[in-house]
Amino acid sequence: MQLDTAILAVLAVGFAGYVALSVHGQRMLEKRVALLERRLDSLAKEMGSILKAASYALQSSDAEKFLEKLRRRRRRRYIAFIIVYEGEQPPSPQEVERAIIRAAERLTGQLTVALARLQLVYYDPERAAGILRVSHDTKYLVLAALGLVRRIGDSRAVIIPVRTTGTIKRAKRALAIARRRLP
């Protein structure tokens, strides 16, 4: 029996030591967790200030790029075209411009038409030929819209793009060459 009590005493001491060790270990673990939390908080604060600085830097560089884009001169393209129409009266310049703008709005919407800054800069009603000025960004959209025009005013008509150039002079030259080739 004494052996049993001795074993029980040893087990009790071992268990007490184990409990004490686990309590001590738990306290140490809690201290380490608290220390890690403090370090993470300070790191988060530092990262927050770094992120703010980076955000301001990116915003200012984006703003600089945007302003630079605005400062740049807008490039223009000139689209020379010929109109094939039914009837004896050629369409008026206002009707031509209105028909092209309507077709472009149907295709791309009003915002893109505003960005395209469509303008009929030259129109010869006798030859039914003209030149459109557009921004270089929307050149292909306007060319597609020209293909959609089926009526100008009250008569049926088709607009045939002849050439896209960077200057009015070259566009007029392209119209002269195209007129000579047509029967």
C-alpha atoms as a PDB file:
ATOM      1  CA  MET A   1       0.000   0.000   0.000  1.00  0.00           C
ATOM      2  CA  GLN A   2       2.796   2.307   0.667  1.00  0.00           C
ATOM      3  CA  LEU A   3       3.944   1.642  -2.827  1.00  0.00           C
ATOM      4  CA  ASP A   4       0.618   2.670  -4.178  1.00  0.00           C
ATOM      5  CA  THR A   5       0.671   5.916  -2.195  1.00  0.00           C
ATOM      6  CA  ALA A   6       4.219   6.576  -3.287  1.00  0.00           C
ATOM      7  CA  ILE A   7       3.223   6.029  -6.904  1.00  0.00           C
ATOM      8  CA  LEU A   8       0.195   8.235  -6.420  1.00  0.00           C
ATOM      9  CA  ALA A   9       2.380  10.912  -4.818  1.00  0.00           C
ATOM     10  CA  VAL A  10       4.829  10.751  -7.718  1.00  0.00           C
ATOM     11  CA  LEU A  11       1.968  10.907 -10.186  1.00  0.00           C
ATOM     12  CA  ALA A  12       0.456  13.862  -8.319  1.00  0.00           C
ATOM     13  CA  VAL A  13       3.790  15.708  -8.311  1.00  0.00           C
ATOM     14  CA  GLY A  14       4.257  14.922 -12.000  1.00  0.00           C
ATOM     15  CA  PHE A  15       0.749  16.054 -12.799  1.00  0.00           C
ATOM     16  CA  ALA A  16       1.230  19.244 -10.746  1.00  0.00           C
ATOM     17  CA  GLY A  17       4.491  19.868 -12.576  1.00  0.00           C
ATOM     18  CA  TYR A  18       2.783  19.235 -15.875  1.00  0.00           C
ATOM     19  CA  VAL A  19      -0.038  21.628 -14.976  1.00  0.00           C
ATOM     20  CA  ALA A  20       2.449  24.221 -13.748  1.00  0.00           C
ATOM     21  CA  LEU A  21       4.493  23.781 -16.895  1.00  0.00           C
ATOM     22  CA  SER A  22       1.443  24.048 -19.101  1.00  0.00           C
ATOM     23  CA  VAL A  23       0.249  27.155 -17.235  1.00  0.00           C
ATOM     24  CA  HIS A  24       3.735  28.625 -17.538  1.00  0.00           C
ATOM     25  CA  GLY A  25       3.842  27.611 -21.195  1.00  0.00           C
ATOM     26  CA  GLN A  26       0.442  29.139 -21.772  1.00  0.00           C
ATOM     27  CA  ARG A  27       1.557  32.413 -20.148  1.00  0.00           C
ATOM     28  CA  MET A  28       4.704  32.442 -22.260  1.00  0.00           C
ATOM     29  CA  LEU A  29       2.641  31.736 -25.332  1.00  0.00           C
ATOM     30  CA  GLU A  30       0.242  34.555 -24.443  1.00  0.00           C
ATOM     31  CA  LYS A  31       3.176  36.923 -23.951  1.00  0.00           C
ATOM     32  CA  ARG A  32       4.630  35.949 -27.318  1.00  0.00           C
ATOM     33  CA  VAL A  33       1.256  36.374 -29.005  1.00  0.00           C
ATOM     34  CA  ALA A  34       0.846  39.813 -27.397  1.00  0.00           C
ATOM     35  CA  LEU A  35       4.348  40.794 -28.517  1.00  0.00           C
ATOM     36  CA  LEU A  36       3.627  39.589 -32.048  1.00  0.00           C
ATOM     37  CA  GLU A  37       0.343  41.519 -32.087  1.00  0.00           C
ATOM     38  CA  ARG A  38       2.134  44.716 -31.048  1.00  0.00           C
ATOM     39  CA  ARG A  39       4.777  44.202 -33.721  1.00  0.00           C
ATOM     40  CA  LEU A  40       2.110  43.517 -36.347  1.00  0.00           C
ATOM     41  CA  ASP A  41       0.219  46.668 -35.323  1.00  0.00           C
ATOM     42  CA  SER A  42       3.337  48.798 -35.640  1.00  0.00           C
ATOM     43  CA  LEU A  43       4.124  47.134 -38.971  1.00  0.00           C
ATOM     44  CA  ALA A  44       0.565  47.793 -40.153  1.00  0.00           C
ATOM     45  CA  LYS A  45       0.912  51.456 -39.184  1.00  0.00           C
ATOM     46  CA  GLU A  46       4.181  51.696 -41.087  1.00  0.00           C
ATOM     47  CA  MET A  47       2.668  49.896 -44.073  1.00  0.00           C
ATOM     48  CA  GLY A  48      -0.346  52.201 -43.922  1.00  0.00           C
ATOM     49  CA  SER A  49       1.856  55.262 -44.167  1.00  0.00           C
ATOM     50  CA  ILE A  50       3.880  53.620 -46.948  1.00  0.00           C
ATOM     51  CA  LEU A  51       0.672  52.717 -48.793  1.00  0.00           C
ATOM     52  CA  LYS A  52      -0.634  56.264 -48.404  1.00  0.00           C
ATOM     53  CA  ALA A  53       2.603  57.675 -49.775  1.00  0.00           C
ATOM     54  CA  ALA A  54       2.538  55.202 -52.668  1.00  0.00           C
ATOM     55  CA  SER A  55      -1.109  56.023 -53.346  1.00  0.00           C
ATOM     56  CA  TYR A  56      -0.363  59.754 -53.453  1.00  0.00           C
ATOM     57  CA  ALA A  57       2.595  59.118 -55.741  1.00  0.00           C
ATOM     58  CA  LEU A  58       0.500  56.990 -58.094  1.00  0.00           C
ATOM     59  CA  GLN A  59      -2.320  59.511 -58.095  1.00  0.00           C
ATOM     60  CA  SER A  60       0.035  62.349 -58.888  1.00  0.00           C
ATOM     61  CA  SER A  61       1.720  60.354 -61.668  1.00  0.00           C
ATOM     62  CA  ASP A  62      -1.692  59.407 -63.081  1.00  0.00           C
ATOM     63  CA  ALA A  63      -2.729  63.041 -62.888  1.00  0.00           C
ATOM     64  CA  GLU A  64       0.492  64.076 -64.618  1.00  0.00           C
ATOM     65  CA  LYS A  65      -0.082  61.524 -67.390  1.00  0.00           C
ATOM     66  CA  PHE A  66      -3.669  62.703 -67.815  1.00  0.00           C
ATOM     67  CA  LEU A  67      -2.620  66.353 -67.956  1.00  0.00           C
ATOM     68  CA  GLU A  68       0.119  65.500 -70.431  1.00  0.00           C
ATOM     69  CA  LYS A  69      -2.456  63.749 -72.586  1.00  0.00           C
ATOM     70  CA  LEU A  70      -4.666  66.843 -72.461  1.00  0.00           C
ATOM     71  CA  ARG A  71      -1.770  69.136 -73.313  1.00  0.00           C
ATOM     72  CA  ARG A  72      -0.857  67.120 -76.386  1.00  0.00           C
ATOM     73  CA  ARG A  73      -2.226  68.414 -79.623  1.00  0.00           C
ATOM     74  CA  ARG A  74      -5.103  66.317 -80.878  1.00  0.00           C
ATOM     75  CA  ARG A  75      -4.245  64.491 -84.068  1.00  0.00           C
ATOM     76  CA  ARG A  76      -6.787  64.696 -86.832  1.00  0.00           C
ATOM     77  CA  ARG A  77      -7.560  62.501 -89.770  1.00  0.00           C
ATOM     78  CA  TYR A  78      -9.304  63.552 -92.949  1.00  0.00           C
ATOM     79  CA  ILE A  79     -11.560  61.059 -94.699  1.00  0.00           C
ATOM     80  CA  ALA A  80     -12.178  61.772 -98.377  1.00  0.00           C
ATOM     81  CA  PHE A  81     -15.433  60.288 -99.648  1.00  0.00           C
ATOM     82  CA  ILE A  82     -17.730  60.179-102.657  1.00  0.00           C
ATOM     83  CA  ILE A  83     -21.524  59.945-102.503  1.00  0.00           C
ATOM     84  CA  VAL A  84     -23.498  57.863-104.967  1.00  0.00           C
ATOM     85  CA  TYR A  85     -27.138  58.996-104.783  1.00  0.00           C
ATOM     86  CA  GLU A  86     -30.478  58.483-106.500  1.00  0.00           C
ATOM     87  CA  GLY A  87     -32.241  61.424-108.033  1.00  0.00           C
ATOM     88  CA  GLU A  88     -31.123  64.537-109.812  1.00  0.00           C
ATOM     89  CA  GLN A  89     -30.436  66.826-106.884  1.00  0.00           C
ATOM     90  CA  PRO A  90     -27.250  66.152-104.904  1.00  0.00           C
ATOM     91  CA  PRO A  91     -27.650  66.152-101.126  1.00  0.00           C
ATOM     92  CA  SER A  92     -26.884  69.365 -99.293  1.00  0.00           C
ATOM     93  CA  PRO A  93     -23.856  69.593 -96.968  1.00  0.00           C
ATOM     94  CA  GLN A  94     -26.126  69.810 -93.910  1.00  0.00           C
ATOM     95  CA  GLU A  95     -27.988  66.649 -94.921  1.00  0.00           C
ATOM     96  CA  VAL A  96     -24.714  64.796 -95.511  1.00  0.00           C
ATOM     97  CA  GLU A  97     -23.275  65.799 -92.144  1.00  0.00           C
ATOM     98  CA  ARG A  98     -26.542  64.969 -90.358  1.00  0.00           C
ATOM     99  CA  ALA A  99     -26.739  61.525 -92.015  1.00  0.00           C
ATOM    100  CA  ILE A 100     -23.143  60.685 -91.072  1.00  0.00           C
ATOM    101  CA  ILE A 101     -23.617  61.808 -87.471  1.00  0.00           C
ATOM    102  CA  ARG A 102     -26.865  59.825 -87.173  1.00  0.00           C
ATOM    103  CA  ALA A 103     -25.166  56.686 -88.504  1.00  0.00           C
ATOM    104  CA  ALA A 104     -22.225  57.130 -86.125  1.00  0.00           C
ATOM    105  CA  GLU A 105     -24.595  57.621 -83.175  1.00  0.00           C
ATOM    106  CA  ARG A 106     -26.467  54.442 -84.087  1.00  0.00           C
ATOM    107  CA  LEU A 107     -23.204  52.522 -84.290  1.00  0.00           C
ATOM    108  CA  THR A 108     -21.266  53.857 -81.312  1.00  0.00           C
ATOM    109  CA  GLY A 109     -23.411  56.241 -79.278  1.00  0.00           C
ATOM    110  CA  GLN A 110     -23.418  59.962 -78.636  1.00  0.00           C
ATOM    111  CA  LEU A 111     -20.332  59.988 -76.425  1.00  0.00           C
ATOM    112  CA  THR A 112     -18.119  58.509 -79.116  1.00  0.00           C
ATOM    113  CA  VAL A 113     -19.538  60.897 -81.694  1.00  0.00           C
ATOM    114  CA  ALA A 114     -18.672  63.777 -79.381  1.00  0.00           C
ATOM    115  CA  LEU A 115     -15.141  62.393 -78.938  1.00  0.00           C
ATOM    116  CA  ALA A 116     -14.797  61.924 -82.705  1.00  0.00           C
ATOM    117  CA  ARG A 117     -15.495  65.634 -83.269  1.00  0.00           C
ATOM    118  CA  LEU A 118     -16.950  64.914 -86.693  1.00  0.00           C
ATOM    119  CA  GLN A 119     -16.908  67.884 -89.017  1.00  0.00           C
ATOM    120  CA  LEU A 120     -17.591  68.159 -92.718  1.00  0.00           C
ATOM    121  CA  VAL A 121     -14.763  70.485 -93.785  1.00  0.00           C
ATOM    122  CA  TYR A 122     -15.211  70.294 -97.554  1.00  0.00           C
ATOM    123  CA  TYR A 123     -18.143  69.354 -99.743  1.00  0.00           C
ATOM    124  CA  ASP A 124     -18.640  69.782-103.471  1.00  0.00           C
ATOM    125  CA  PRO A 125     -22.311  69.178-104.372  1.00  0.00           C
ATOM    126  CA  GLU A 126     -21.580  69.070-108.118  1.00  0.00           C
ATOM    127  CA  ARG A 127     -19.165  66.169-107.730  1.00  0.00           C
ATOM    128  CA  ALA A 128     -20.899  64.776-104.607  1.00  0.00           C
ATOM    129  CA  ALA A 129     -17.531  64.513-102.908  1.00  0.00           C
ATOM    130  CA  GLY A 130     -16.454  65.658 -99.497  1.00  0.00           C
ATOM    131  CA  ILE A 131     -13.901  65.546 -96.717  1.00  0.00           C
ATOM    132  CA  LEU A 132     -14.655  64.725 -93.092  1.00  0.00           C
ATOM    133  CA  ARG A 133     -12.375  65.712 -90.227  1.00  0.00           C
ATOM    134  CA  VAL A 134     -12.291  63.259 -87.295  1.00  0.00           C
ATOM    135  CA  SER A 135     -10.008  62.574 -84.346  1.00  0.00           C
ATOM    136  CA  HIS A 136      -7.394  59.906 -84.966  1.00  0.00           C
ATOM    137  CA  ASP A 137      -8.779  57.727 -82.146  1.00  0.00           C
ATOM    138  CA  THR A 138     -12.163  57.259 -83.790  1.00  0.00           C
ATOM    139  CA  LYS A 139     -11.173  57.047 -87.452  1.00  0.00           C
ATOM    140  CA  TYR A 140     -12.163  53.401 -87.847  1.00  0.00           C
ATOM    141  CA  LEU A 141     -15.495  53.897 -86.088  1.00  0.00           C
ATOM    142  CA  VAL A 142     -16.372  56.733 -88.444  1.00  0.00           C
ATOM    143  CA  LEU A 143     -15.347  54.648 -91.464  1.00  0.00           C
ATOM    144  CA  ALA A 144     -17.674  51.895 -90.245  1.00  0.00           C
ATOM    145  CA  ALA A 145     -20.460  54.442 -89.745  1.00  0.00           C
ATOM    146  CA  LEU A 146     -20.009  55.693 -93.321  1.00  0.00           C
ATOM    147  CA  GLY A 147     -20.823  52.193 -94.494  1.00  0.00           C
ATOM    148  CA  LEU A 148     -24.112  52.299 -92.577  1.00  0.00           C
ATOM    149  CA  VAL A 149     -25.465  55.378 -94.348  1.00  0.00           C
ATOM    150  CA  ARG A 150     -28.246  54.334 -96.728  1.00  0.00           C
ATOM    151  CA  ARG A 151     -30.298  57.524 -96.963  1.00  0.00           C
ATOM    152  CA  ILE A 152     -29.296  61.154 -97.110  1.00  0.00           C
ATOM    153  CA  GLY A 153     -32.250  63.458 -96.795  1.00  0.00           C
ATOM    154  CA  ASP A 154     -35.124  61.895 -98.753  1.00  0.00           C
ATOM    155  CA  SER A 155     -33.095  60.002-101.343  1.00  0.00           C
ATOM    156  CA  ARG A 156     -31.231  56.732-101.163  1.00  0.00           C
ATOM    157  CA  ALA A 157     -27.469  57.152-101.111  1.00  0.00           C
ATOM    158  CA  VAL A 158     -24.229  55.350-100.368  1.00  0.00           C
ATOM    159  CA  ILE A 159     -21.054  56.970 -99.066  1.00  0.00           C
ATOM    160  CA  ILE A 160     -17.824  55.493-100.411  1.00  0.00           C
ATOM    161  CA  PRO A 161     -14.652  56.364 -98.462  1.00  0.00           C
ATOM    162  CA  VAL A 162     -11.832  57.048-100.906  1.00  0.00           C
ATOM    163  CA  ARG A 163      -8.865  57.639 -98.639  1.00  0.00           C
ATOM    164  CA  THR A 164      -7.865  58.589 -95.101  1.00  0.00           C
ATOM    165  CA  THR A 165      -5.062  61.130 -94.799  1.00  0.00           C
ATOM    166  CA  GLY A 166      -3.402  63.394 -92.279  1.00  0.00           C
ATOM    167  CA  THR A 167      -3.878  66.652 -94.213  1.00  0.00           C
ATOM    168  CA  ILE A 168      -6.683  68.308 -96.157  1.00  0.00           C
ATOM    169  CA  LYS A 169      -4.358  68.872 -99.098  1.00  0.00           C
ATOM    170  CA  ARG A 170      -3.746  65.146 -99.548  1.00  0.00           C
ATOM    171  CA  ALA A 171      -7.449  64.417 -99.089  1.00  0.00           C
ATOM    172  CA  LYS A 172      -8.332  66.873-101.880  1.00  0.00           C
ATOM    173  CA  ARG A 173      -5.678  65.286-104.072  1.00  0.00           C
ATOM    174  CA  ALA A 174      -7.197  61.845-103.383  1.00  0.00           C
ATOM    175  CA  LEU A 175     -10.640  63.158-104.393  1.00  0.00           C
ATOM    176  CA  ALA A 176      -9.235  64.553-107.651  1.00  0.00           C
ATOM    177  CA  ILE A 177      -7.614  61.224-108.494  1.00  0.00           C
ATOM    178  CA  ALA A 178     -10.764  59.285-107.569  1.00  0.00           C
ATOM    179  CA  ARG A 179     -12.942  61.540-109.750  1.00  0.00           C
ATOM    180  CA  ARG A 180     -10.702  60.985-112.757  1.00  0.00           C
ATOM    181  CA  ARG A 181     -11.012  57.222-112.341  1.00  0.00           C
ATOM    182  CA  LEU A 182     -14.819  57.198-112.117  1.00  0.00           C
ATOM    183  CA  PRO A 183     -16.742  57.036-115.441  1.00  0.00           C
END
